[in-house]
Amino acid sequence: MNRGKRPKIKLTITDRIGKMGCHRGHKVGDSFDYDTERGQICPMAMHCAFPYIDILRYGGKLPGQPEGVAEFCCSDADVVLVFKAEIVEE
């Protein structure tokens, strides 16, 4: 990883576990560039995403997950969207 530049991160919604649809209108298959489109992502999901993005950007790895990938859920118990954050190689 290039230490002078932070890697790009893509967030993709991969599943929905909760019973309700997303209050922001997000759906499975939606994808966002973290640096340029994060303002479009629900603030509850972003609150959950930030620690995982930090781990990926600074060279960390999550147990049981592939290198450069972090899966997590939003915190809305009615919706529970599953997100995949992944490093995008340039």
PDB file of N, CA and C in Angstrom:
ATOM      1  N   MET A   1       0.847  -1.180   0.000  1.00  0.00           N
ATOM      2  CA  MET A   1       0.000   0.000   0.000  1.00  0.00           C
ATOM      3  C   MET A   1       0.890   1.240   0.000  1.00  0.00           C
ATOM      4  N   ASN A   2       0.532   2.221  -0.799  1.00  0.00           N
ATOM      5  CA  ASN A   2       1.259   3.479  -0.878  1.00  0.00           C
ATOM      6  C   ASN A   2       1.004   4.290   0.388  1.00  0.00           C
ATOM      7  N   ARG A   3       2.044   4.563   1.147  1.00  0.00           N
ATOM      8  CA  ARG A   3       1.890   5.267   2.425  1.00  0.00           C
ATOM      9  C   ARG A   3       1.568   6.747   2.244  1.00  0.00           C
ATOM     10  N   GLY A   4       1.819   7.296   1.058  1.00  0.00           N
ATOM     11  CA  GLY A   4       1.573   8.719   0.851  1.00  0.00           C
ATOM     12  C   GLY A   4       0.138   9.050   0.504  1.00  0.00           C
ATOM     13  N   LYS A   5      -0.637   8.059   0.111  1.00  0.00           N
ATOM     14  CA  LYS A   5      -2.001   8.307  -0.319  1.00  0.00           C
ATOM     15  C   LYS A   5      -2.928   7.250   0.262  1.00  0.00           C
ATOM     16  N   ARG A   6      -4.041   7.704   0.803  1.00  0.00           N
ATOM     17  CA  ARG A   6      -5.024   6.763   1.347  1.00  0.00           C
ATOM     18  C   ARG A   6      -5.705   6.019   0.204  1.00  0.00           C
ATOM     19  N   PRO A   7      -5.943   4.724   0.378  1.00  0.00           N
ATOM     20  CA  PRO A   7      -6.621   3.973  -0.683  1.00  0.00           C
ATOM     21  C   PRO A   7      -8.084   4.385  -0.805  1.00  0.00           C
ATOM     22  N   LYS A   8      -8.614   4.214  -2.009  1.00  0.00           N
ATOM     23  CA  LYS A   8     -10.034   4.469  -2.230  1.00  0.00           C
ATOM     24  C   LYS A   8     -10.836   3.344  -1.596  1.00  0.00           C
ATOM     25  N   ILE A   9     -12.012   3.703  -1.082  1.00  0.00           N
ATOM     26  CA  ILE A   9     -12.901   2.730  -0.451  1.00  0.00           C
ATOM     27  C   ILE A   9     -14.257   2.781  -1.154  1.00  0.00           C
ATOM     28  N   LYS A  10     -14.762   1.607  -1.505  1.00  0.00           N
ATOM     29  CA  LYS A  10     -16.102   1.488  -2.077  1.00  0.00           C
ATOM     30  C   LYS A  10     -16.983   0.793  -1.051  1.00  0.00           C
ATOM     31  N   LEU A  11     -18.174   1.333  -0.840  1.00  0.00           N
ATOM     32  CA  LEU A  11     -19.168   0.727   0.044  1.00  0.00           C
ATOM     33  C   LEU A  11     -20.308   0.188  -0.812  1.00  0.00           C
ATOM     34  N   THR A  12     -20.658  -1.071  -0.603  1.00  0.00           N
ATOM     35  CA  THR A  12     -21.739  -1.697  -1.357  1.00  0.00           C
ATOM     36  C   THR A  12     -22.702  -2.361  -0.378  1.00  0.00           C
ATOM     37  N   ILE A  13     -23.995  -2.181  -0.607  1.00  0.00           N
ATOM     38  CA  ILE A  13     -24.999  -2.848   0.214  1.00  0.00           C
ATOM     39  C   ILE A  13     -25.202  -4.243  -0.375  1.00  0.00           C
ATOM     40  N   THR A  14     -24.941  -5.257   0.454  1.00  0.00           N
ATOM     41  CA  THR A  14     -24.961  -6.633  -0.033  1.00  0.00           C
ATOM     42  C   THR A  14     -26.159  -7.448   0.429  1.00  0.00           C
ATOM     43  N   ASP A  15     -26.855  -6.978   1.474  1.00  0.00           N
ATOM     44  CA  ASP A  15     -27.986  -7.764   1.993  1.00  0.00           C
ATOM     45  C   ASP A  15     -28.840  -6.883   2.899  1.00  0.00           C
ATOM     46  N   ARG A  16     -30.060  -7.338   3.148  1.00  0.00           N
ATOM     47  CA  ARG A  16     -30.933  -6.691   4.129  1.00  0.00           C
ATOM     48  C   ARG A  16     -31.485  -7.787   5.021  1.00  0.00           C
ATOM     49  N   ILE A  17     -31.327  -7.612   6.325  1.00  0.00           N
ATOM     50  CA  ILE A  17     -31.758  -8.622   7.284  1.00  0.00           C
ATOM     51  C   ILE A  17     -33.059  -8.202   7.973  1.00  0.00           C
ATOM     52  N   GLY A  18     -33.246  -6.905   8.143  1.00  0.00           N
ATOM     53  CA  GLY A  18     -34.426  -6.412   8.843  1.00  0.00           C
ATOM     54  C   GLY A  18     -35.704  -6.549   8.036  1.00  0.00           C
ATOM     55  N   LYS A  19     -36.818  -6.249   8.674  1.00  0.00           N
ATOM     56  CA  LYS A  19     -38.137  -6.430   8.068  1.00  0.00           C
ATOM     57  C   LYS A  19     -38.610  -5.227   7.262  1.00  0.00           C
ATOM     58  N   MET A  20     -38.051  -4.063   7.515  1.00  0.00           N
ATOM     59  CA  MET A  20     -38.502  -2.841   6.843  1.00  0.00           C
ATOM     60  C   MET A  20     -37.505  -2.414   5.778  1.00  0.00           C
ATOM     61  N   GLY A  21     -37.985  -1.607   4.845  1.00  0.00           N
ATOM     62  CA  GLY A  21     -37.087  -0.993   3.877  1.00  0.00           C
ATOM     63  C   GLY A  21     -36.317   0.143   4.528  1.00  0.00           C
ATOM     64  N   CYS A  22     -35.228   0.515   3.927  1.00  0.00           N
ATOM     65  CA  CYS A  22     -34.385   1.594   4.447  1.00  0.00           C
ATOM     66  C   CYS A  22     -35.131   2.928   4.426  1.00  0.00           C
ATOM     67  N   HIS A  23     -35.019   3.668   5.500  1.00  0.00           N
ATOM     68  CA  HIS A  23     -35.685   4.964   5.614  1.00  0.00           C
ATOM     69  C   HIS A  23     -35.080   6.005   4.666  1.00  0.00           C
ATOM     70  N   ARG A  24     -33.836   5.768   4.222  1.00  0.00           N
ATOM     71  CA  ARG A  24     -33.188   6.669   3.261  1.00  0.00           C
ATOM     72  C   ARG A  24     -33.346   6.184   1.821  1.00  0.00           C
ATOM     73  N   GLY A  25     -33.979   5.043   1.642  1.00  0.00           N
ATOM     74  CA  GLY A  25     -34.207   4.525   0.297  1.00  0.00           C
ATOM     75  C   GLY A  25     -33.078   3.658  -0.241  1.00  0.00           C
ATOM     76  N   HIS A  26     -32.090   3.334   0.590  1.00  0.00           N
ATOM     77  CA  HIS A  26     -31.005   2.459   0.137  1.00  0.00           C
ATOM     78  C   HIS A  26     -31.541   1.052  -0.084  1.00  0.00           C
ATOM     79  N   LYS A  27     -30.933   0.346  -1.036  1.00  0.00           N
ATOM     80  CA  LYS A  27     -31.353  -1.021  -1.316  1.00  0.00           C
ATOM     81  C   LYS A  27     -30.145  -1.873  -1.672  1.00  0.00           C
ATOM     82  N   VAL A  28     -30.338  -3.174  -1.595  1.00  0.00           N
ATOM     83  CA  VAL A  28     -29.266  -4.112  -1.934  1.00  0.00           C
ATOM     84  C   VAL A  28     -28.788  -3.811  -3.354  1.00  0.00           C
ATOM     85  N   GLY A  29     -27.475  -3.751  -3.504  1.00  0.00           N
ATOM     86  CA  GLY A  29     -26.862  -3.457  -4.800  1.00  0.00           C
ATOM     87  C   GLY A  29     -26.361  -2.021  -4.921  1.00  0.00           C
ATOM     88  N   ASP A  30     -26.866  -1.113  -4.084  1.00  0.00           N
ATOM     89  CA  ASP A  30     -26.373   0.268  -4.115  1.00  0.00           C
ATOM     90  C   ASP A  30     -24.894   0.281  -3.752  1.00  0.00           C
ATOM     91  N   SER A  31     -24.144   1.149  -4.416  1.00  0.00           N
ATOM     92  CA  SER A  31     -22.708   1.241  -4.184  1.00  0.00           C
ATOM     93  C   SER A  31     -22.303   2.712  -4.138  1.00  0.00           C
ATOM     94  N   PHE A  32     -21.331   3.021  -3.283  1.00  0.00           N
ATOM     95  CA  PHE A  32     -20.906   4.411  -3.072  1.00  0.00           C
ATOM     96  C   PHE A  32     -19.390   4.499  -2.982  1.00  0.00           C
ATOM     97  N   ASP A  33     -18.834   5.548  -3.564  1.00  0.00           N
ATOM     98  CA  ASP A  33     -17.429   5.880  -3.359  1.00  0.00           C
ATOM     99  C   ASP A  33     -17.364   6.657  -2.050  1.00  0.00           C
ATOM    100  N   TYR A  34     -16.607   6.149  -1.081  1.00  0.00           N
ATOM    101  CA  TYR A  34     -16.577   6.768   0.242  1.00  0.00           C
ATOM    102  C   TYR A  34     -16.139   8.230   0.194  1.00  0.00           C
ATOM    103  N   ASP A  35     -15.150   8.544  -0.619  1.00  0.00           N
ATOM    104  CA  ASP A  35     -14.610   9.908  -0.624  1.00  0.00           C
ATOM    105  C   ASP A  35     -15.505  10.918  -1.329  1.00  0.00           C
ATOM    106  N   THR A  36     -16.213  10.506  -2.365  1.00  0.00           N
ATOM    107  CA  THR A  36     -16.980  11.477  -3.150  1.00  0.00           C
ATOM    108  C   THR A  36     -18.490  11.384  -2.952  1.00  0.00           C
ATOM    109  N   GLU A  37     -18.979  10.262  -2.398  1.00  0.00           N
ATOM    110  CA  GLU A  37     -20.426  10.081  -2.290  1.00  0.00           C
ATOM    111  C   GLU A  37     -20.913   9.790  -0.872  1.00  0.00           C
ATOM    112  N   ARG A  38     -20.054   9.943   0.110  1.00  0.00           N
ATOM    113  CA  ARG A  38     -20.469   9.578   1.469  1.00  0.00           C
ATOM    114  C   ARG A  38     -21.612  10.434   1.993  1.00  0.00           C
ATOM    115  N   GLY A  39     -21.799  11.622   1.466  1.00  0.00           N
ATOM    116  CA  GLY A  39     -22.921  12.464   1.876  1.00  0.00           C
ATOM    117  C   GLY A  39     -24.271  11.889   1.473  1.00  0.00           C
ATOM    118  N   GLN A  40     -24.268  10.921   0.564  1.00  0.00           N
ATOM    119  CA  GLN A  40     -25.511  10.284   0.115  1.00  0.00           C
ATOM    120  C   GLN A  40     -25.906   9.108   1.014  1.00  0.00           C
ATOM    121  N   ILE A  41     -24.987   8.693   1.877  1.00  0.00           N
ATOM    122  CA  ILE A  41     -25.226   7.509   2.705  1.00  0.00           C
ATOM    123  C   ILE A  41     -25.872   7.921   4.026  1.00  0.00           C
ATOM    124  N   CYS A  42     -26.818   7.123   4.475  1.00  0.00           N
ATOM    125  CA  CYS A  42     -27.516   7.364   5.735  1.00  0.00           C
ATOM    126  C   CYS A  42     -26.507   7.619   6.861  1.00  0.00           C
ATOM    127  N   PRO A  43     -26.721   8.647   7.673  1.00  0.00           N
ATOM    128  CA  PRO A  43     -25.806   8.938   8.779  1.00  0.00           C
ATOM    129  C   PRO A  43     -25.666   7.782   9.775  1.00  0.00           C
ATOM    130  N   MET A  44     -26.717   6.994   9.977  1.00  0.00           N
ATOM    131  CA  MET A  44     -26.613   5.851  10.891  1.00  0.00           C
ATOM    132  C   MET A  44     -25.639   4.814  10.322  1.00  0.00           C
ATOM    133  N   ALA A  45     -25.706   4.582   9.023  1.00  0.00           N
ATOM    134  CA  ALA A  45     -24.790   3.637   8.385  1.00  0.00           C
ATOM    135  C   ALA A  45     -23.363   4.186   8.411  1.00  0.00           C
ATOM    136  N   MET A  46     -23.205   5.479   8.171  1.00  0.00           N
ATOM    137  CA  MET A  46     -21.866   6.073   8.176  1.00  0.00           C
ATOM    138  C   MET A  46     -21.232   5.988   9.562  1.00  0.00           C
ATOM    139  N   HIS A  47     -22.038   6.145  10.587  1.00  0.00           N
ATOM    140  CA  HIS A  47     -21.527   6.035  11.951  1.00  0.00           C
ATOM    141  C   HIS A  47     -20.923   4.643  12.178  1.00  0.00           C
ATOM    142  N   CYS A  48     -21.588   3.641  11.641  1.00  0.00           N
ATOM    143  CA  CYS A  48     -21.093   2.261  11.770  1.00  0.00           C
ATOM    144  C   CYS A  48     -19.902   2.001  10.846  1.00  0.00           C
ATOM    145  N   ALA A  49     -19.903   2.623   9.678  1.00  0.00           N
ATOM    146  CA  ALA A  49     -18.878   2.374   8.659  1.00  0.00           C
ATOM    147  C   ALA A  49     -17.515   2.942   9.036  1.00  0.00           C
ATOM    148  N   PHE A  50     -17.496   4.086   9.686  1.00  0.00           N
ATOM    149  CA  PHE A  50     -16.239   4.804   9.885  1.00  0.00           C
ATOM    150  C   PHE A  50     -15.121   3.968  10.509  1.00  0.00           C
ATOM    151  N   PRO A  51     -15.355   3.227  11.596  1.00  0.00           N
ATOM    152  CA  PRO A  51     -14.247   2.455  12.174  1.00  0.00           C
ATOM    153  C   PRO A  51     -13.680   1.414  11.202  1.00  0.00           C
ATOM    154  N   TYR A  52     -14.555   0.800  10.418  1.00  0.00           N
ATOM    155  CA  TYR A  52     -14.092  -0.205   9.461  1.00  0.00           C
ATOM    156  C   TYR A  52     -13.283   0.426   8.331  1.00  0.00           C
ATOM    157  N   ILE A  53     -13.720   1.582   7.885  1.00  0.00           N
ATOM    158  CA  ILE A  53     -12.979   2.295   6.844  1.00  0.00           C
ATOM    159  C   ILE A  53     -11.603   2.685   7.361  1.00  0.00           C
ATOM    160  N   ASP A  54     -11.541   3.165   8.590  1.00  0.00           N
ATOM    161  CA  ASP A  54     -10.249   3.501   9.198  1.00  0.00           C
ATOM    162  C   ASP A  54      -9.334   2.279   9.273  1.00  0.00           C
ATOM    163  N   ILE A  55      -9.880   1.141   9.683  1.00  0.00           N
ATOM    164  CA  ILE A  55      -9.080  -0.081   9.762  1.00  0.00           C
ATOM    165  C   ILE A  55      -8.495  -0.410   8.396  1.00  0.00           C
ATOM    166  N   LEU A  56      -9.332  -0.389   7.354  1.00  0.00           N
ATOM    167  CA  LEU A  56      -8.857  -0.708   6.004  1.00  0.00           C
ATOM    168  C   LEU A  56      -7.833   0.307   5.504  1.00  0.00           C
ATOM    169  N   ARG A  57      -8.107   1.573   5.699  1.00  0.00           N
ATOM    170  CA  ARG A  57      -7.227   2.619   5.167  1.00  0.00           C
ATOM    171  C   ARG A  57      -5.843   2.625   5.813  1.00  0.00           C
ATOM    172  N   TYR A  58      -5.754   2.175   7.029  1.00  0.00           N
ATOM    173  CA  TYR A  58      -4.469   2.227   7.718  1.00  0.00           C
ATOM    174  C   TYR A  58      -3.826   0.857   7.867  1.00  0.00           C
ATOM    175  N   GLY A  59      -4.205  -0.066   6.957  1.00  0.00           N
ATOM    176  CA  GLY A  59      -3.494  -1.327   6.844  1.00  0.00           C
ATOM    177  C   GLY A  59      -3.962  -2.451   7.736  1.00  0.00           C
ATOM    178  N   GLY A  60      -5.059  -2.261   8.445  1.00  0.00           N
ATOM    179  CA  GLY A  60      -5.559  -3.314   9.321  1.00  0.00           C
ATOM    180  C   GLY A  60      -6.327  -4.377   8.565  1.00  0.00           C
ATOM    181  N   LYS A  61      -6.560  -5.471   9.252  1.00  0.00           N
ATOM    182  CA  LYS A  61      -7.322  -6.582   8.685  1.00  0.00           C
ATOM    183  C   LYS A  61      -8.274  -7.079   9.762  1.00  0.00           C
ATOM    184  N   LEU A  62      -9.493  -7.399   9.340  1.00  0.00           N
ATOM    185  CA  LEU A  62     -10.492  -7.907  10.277  1.00  0.00           C
ATOM    186  C   LEU A  62     -10.463  -9.426  10.309  1.00  0.00           C
ATOM    187  N   PRO A  63     -10.529 -10.024  11.486  1.00  0.00           N
ATOM    188  CA  PRO A  63     -10.507 -11.486  11.595  1.00  0.00           C
ATOM    189  C   PRO A  63     -11.638 -12.115  10.780  1.00  0.00           C
ATOM    190  N   GLY A  64     -11.296 -13.153  10.031  1.00  0.00           N
ATOM    191  CA  GLY A  64     -12.289 -13.892   9.270  1.00  0.00           C
ATOM    192  C   GLY A  64     -12.750 -13.233   7.991  1.00  0.00           C
ATOM    193  N   GLN A  65     -12.152 -12.095   7.643  1.00  0.00           N
ATOM    194  CA  GLN A  65     -12.543 -11.413   6.414  1.00  0.00           C
ATOM    195  C   GLN A  65     -11.337 -11.289   5.493  1.00  0.00           C
ATOM    196  N   PRO A  66     -11.585 -11.297   4.184  1.00  0.00           N
ATOM    197  CA  PRO A  66     -10.459 -11.191   3.247  1.00  0.00           C
ATOM    198  C   PRO A  66      -9.705  -9.870   3.407  1.00  0.00           C
ATOM    199  N   GLU A  67      -8.473  -9.885   3.021  1.00  0.00           N
ATOM    200  CA  GLU A  67      -7.648  -8.669   3.037  1.00  0.00           C
ATOM    201  C   GLU A  67      -8.327  -7.575   2.218  1.00  0.00           C
ATOM    202  N   GLY A  68      -8.394  -6.372   2.763  1.00  0.00           N
ATOM    203  CA  GLY A  68      -8.966  -5.233   2.045  1.00  0.00           C
ATOM    204  C   GLY A  68     -10.477  -5.174   2.050  1.00  0.00           C
ATOM    205  N   VAL A  69     -11.125  -6.007   2.868  1.00  0.00           N
ATOM    206  CA  VAL A  69     -12.590  -6.053   2.913  1.00  0.00           C
ATOM    207  C   VAL A  69     -13.065  -6.033   4.360  1.00  0.00           C
ATOM    208  N   ALA A  70     -14.163  -5.315   4.593  1.00  0.00           N
ATOM    209  CA  ALA A  70     -14.809  -5.307   5.909  1.00  0.00           C
ATOM    210  C   ALA A  70     -16.312  -5.301   5.703  1.00  0.00           C
ATOM    211  N   GLU A  71     -17.008  -6.268   6.273  1.00  0.00           N
ATOM    212  CA  GLU A  71     -18.460  -6.293   6.217  1.00  0.00           C
ATOM    213  C   GLU A  71     -19.010  -5.867   7.573  1.00  0.00           C
ATOM    214  N   PHE A  72     -20.090  -5.098   7.531  1.00  0.00           N
ATOM    215  CA  PHE A  72     -20.709  -4.590   8.753  1.00  0.00           C
ATOM    216  C   PHE A  72     -22.173  -4.295   8.459  1.00  0.00           C
ATOM    217  N   CYS A  73     -22.948  -4.056   9.505  1.00  0.00           N
ATOM    218  CA  CYS A  73     -24.366  -3.726   9.368  1.00  0.00           C
ATOM    219  C   CYS A  73     -24.627  -2.311   9.852  1.00  0.00           C
ATOM    220  N   CYS A  74     -25.675  -1.710   9.297  1.00  0.00           N
ATOM    221  CA  CYS A  74     -26.117  -0.424   9.833  1.00  0.00           C
ATOM    222  C   CYS A  74     -26.783  -0.672  11.191  1.00  0.00           C
ATOM    223  N   SER A  75     -26.978   0.374  11.927  1.00  0.00           N
ATOM    224  CA  SER A  75     -27.472   0.223  13.300  1.00  0.00           C
ATOM    225  C   SER A  75     -28.987   0.318  13.434  1.00  0.00           C
ATOM    226  N   ASP A  76     -29.707   0.433  12.337  1.00  0.00           N
ATOM    227  CA  ASP A  76     -31.158   0.529  12.400  1.00  0.00           C
ATOM    228  C   ASP A  76     -31.750  -0.870  12.517  1.00  0.00           C
ATOM    229  N   ALA A  77     -32.259  -1.227  13.691  1.00  0.00           N
ATOM    230  CA  ALA A  77     -32.744  -2.582  13.964  1.00  0.00           C
ATOM    231  C   ALA A  77     -33.925  -2.984  13.084  1.00  0.00           C
ATOM    232  N   ASP A  78     -34.684  -2.028  12.573  1.00  0.00           N
ATOM    233  CA  ASP A  78     -35.802  -2.347  11.688  1.00  0.00           C
ATOM    234  C   ASP A  78     -35.352  -2.724  10.283  1.00  0.00           C
ATOM    235  N   VAL A  79     -34.212  -2.184   9.878  1.00  0.00           N
ATOM    236  CA  VAL A  79     -33.746  -2.321   8.495  1.00  0.00           C
ATOM    237  C   VAL A  79     -32.584  -3.311   8.390  1.00  0.00           C
ATOM    238  N   VAL A  80     -31.541  -3.111   9.143  1.00  0.00           N
ATOM    239  CA  VAL A  80     -30.317  -3.919   9.173  1.00  0.00           C
ATOM    240  C   VAL A  80     -29.781  -4.204   7.763  1.00  0.00           C
ATOM    241  N   LEU A  81     -29.245  -3.170   7.146  1.00  0.00           N
ATOM    242  CA  LEU A  81     -28.569  -3.357   5.860  1.00  0.00           C
ATOM    243  C   LEU A  81     -27.149  -3.842   6.112  1.00  0.00           C
ATOM    244  N   VAL A  82     -26.694  -4.766   5.280  1.00  0.00           N
ATOM    245  CA  VAL A  82     -25.331  -5.277   5.363  1.00  0.00           C
ATOM    246  C   VAL A  82     -24.510  -4.550   4.307  1.00  0.00           C
ATOM    247  N   PHE A  83     -23.397  -3.976   4.741  1.00  0.00           N
ATOM    248  CA  PHE A  83     -22.497  -3.248   3.848  1.00  0.00           C
ATOM    249  C   PHE A  83     -21.182  -3.996   3.711  1.00  0.00           C
ATOM    250  N   LYS A  84     -20.582  -3.866   2.542  1.00  0.00           N
ATOM    251  CA  LYS A  84     -19.217  -4.349   2.335  1.00  0.00           C
ATOM    252  C   LYS A  84     -18.373  -3.137   1.983  1.00  0.00           C
ATOM    253  N   ALA A  85     -17.346  -2.891   2.781  1.00  0.00           N
ATOM    254  CA  ALA A  85     -16.364  -1.855   2.477  1.00  0.00           C
ATOM    255  C   ALA A  85     -15.167  -2.559   1.892  1.00  0.00           C
ATOM    256  N   GLU A  86     -14.656  -2.044   0.783  1.00  0.00           N
ATOM    257  CA  GLU A  86     -13.491  -2.688   0.179  1.00  0.00           C
ATOM    258  C   GLU A  86     -12.564  -1.658  -0.431  1.00  0.00           C
ATOM    259  N   ILE A  87     -11.282  -1.970  -0.340  1.00  0.00           N
ATOM    260  CA  ILE A  87     -10.265  -1.125  -0.957  1.00  0.00           C
ATOM    261  C   ILE A  87     -10.352  -1.300  -2.461  1.00  0.00           C
ATOM    262  N   VAL A  88     -10.349  -0.193  -3.192  1.00  0.00           N
ATOM    263  CA  VAL A  88     -10.366  -0.224  -4.647  1.00  0.00           C
ATOM    264  C   VAL A  88      -8.966   0.089  -5.133  1.00  0.00           C
ATOM    265  N   GLU A  89      -8.384  -0.868  -5.816  1.00  0.00           N
ATOM    266  CA  GLU A  89      -7.037  -0.681  -6.371  1.00  0.00           C
ATOM    267  C   GLU A  89      -7.125   0.269  -7.558  1.00  0.00           C
ATOM    268  N   GLU A  90      -6.216   1.232  -7.588  1.00  0.00           N
ATOM    269  CA  GLU A  90      -6.214   2.207  -8.683  1.00  0.00           C
ATOM    270  C   GLU A  90      -5.310   1.764  -9.797  1.00  0.00           C
TER     271      GLU A  90
END
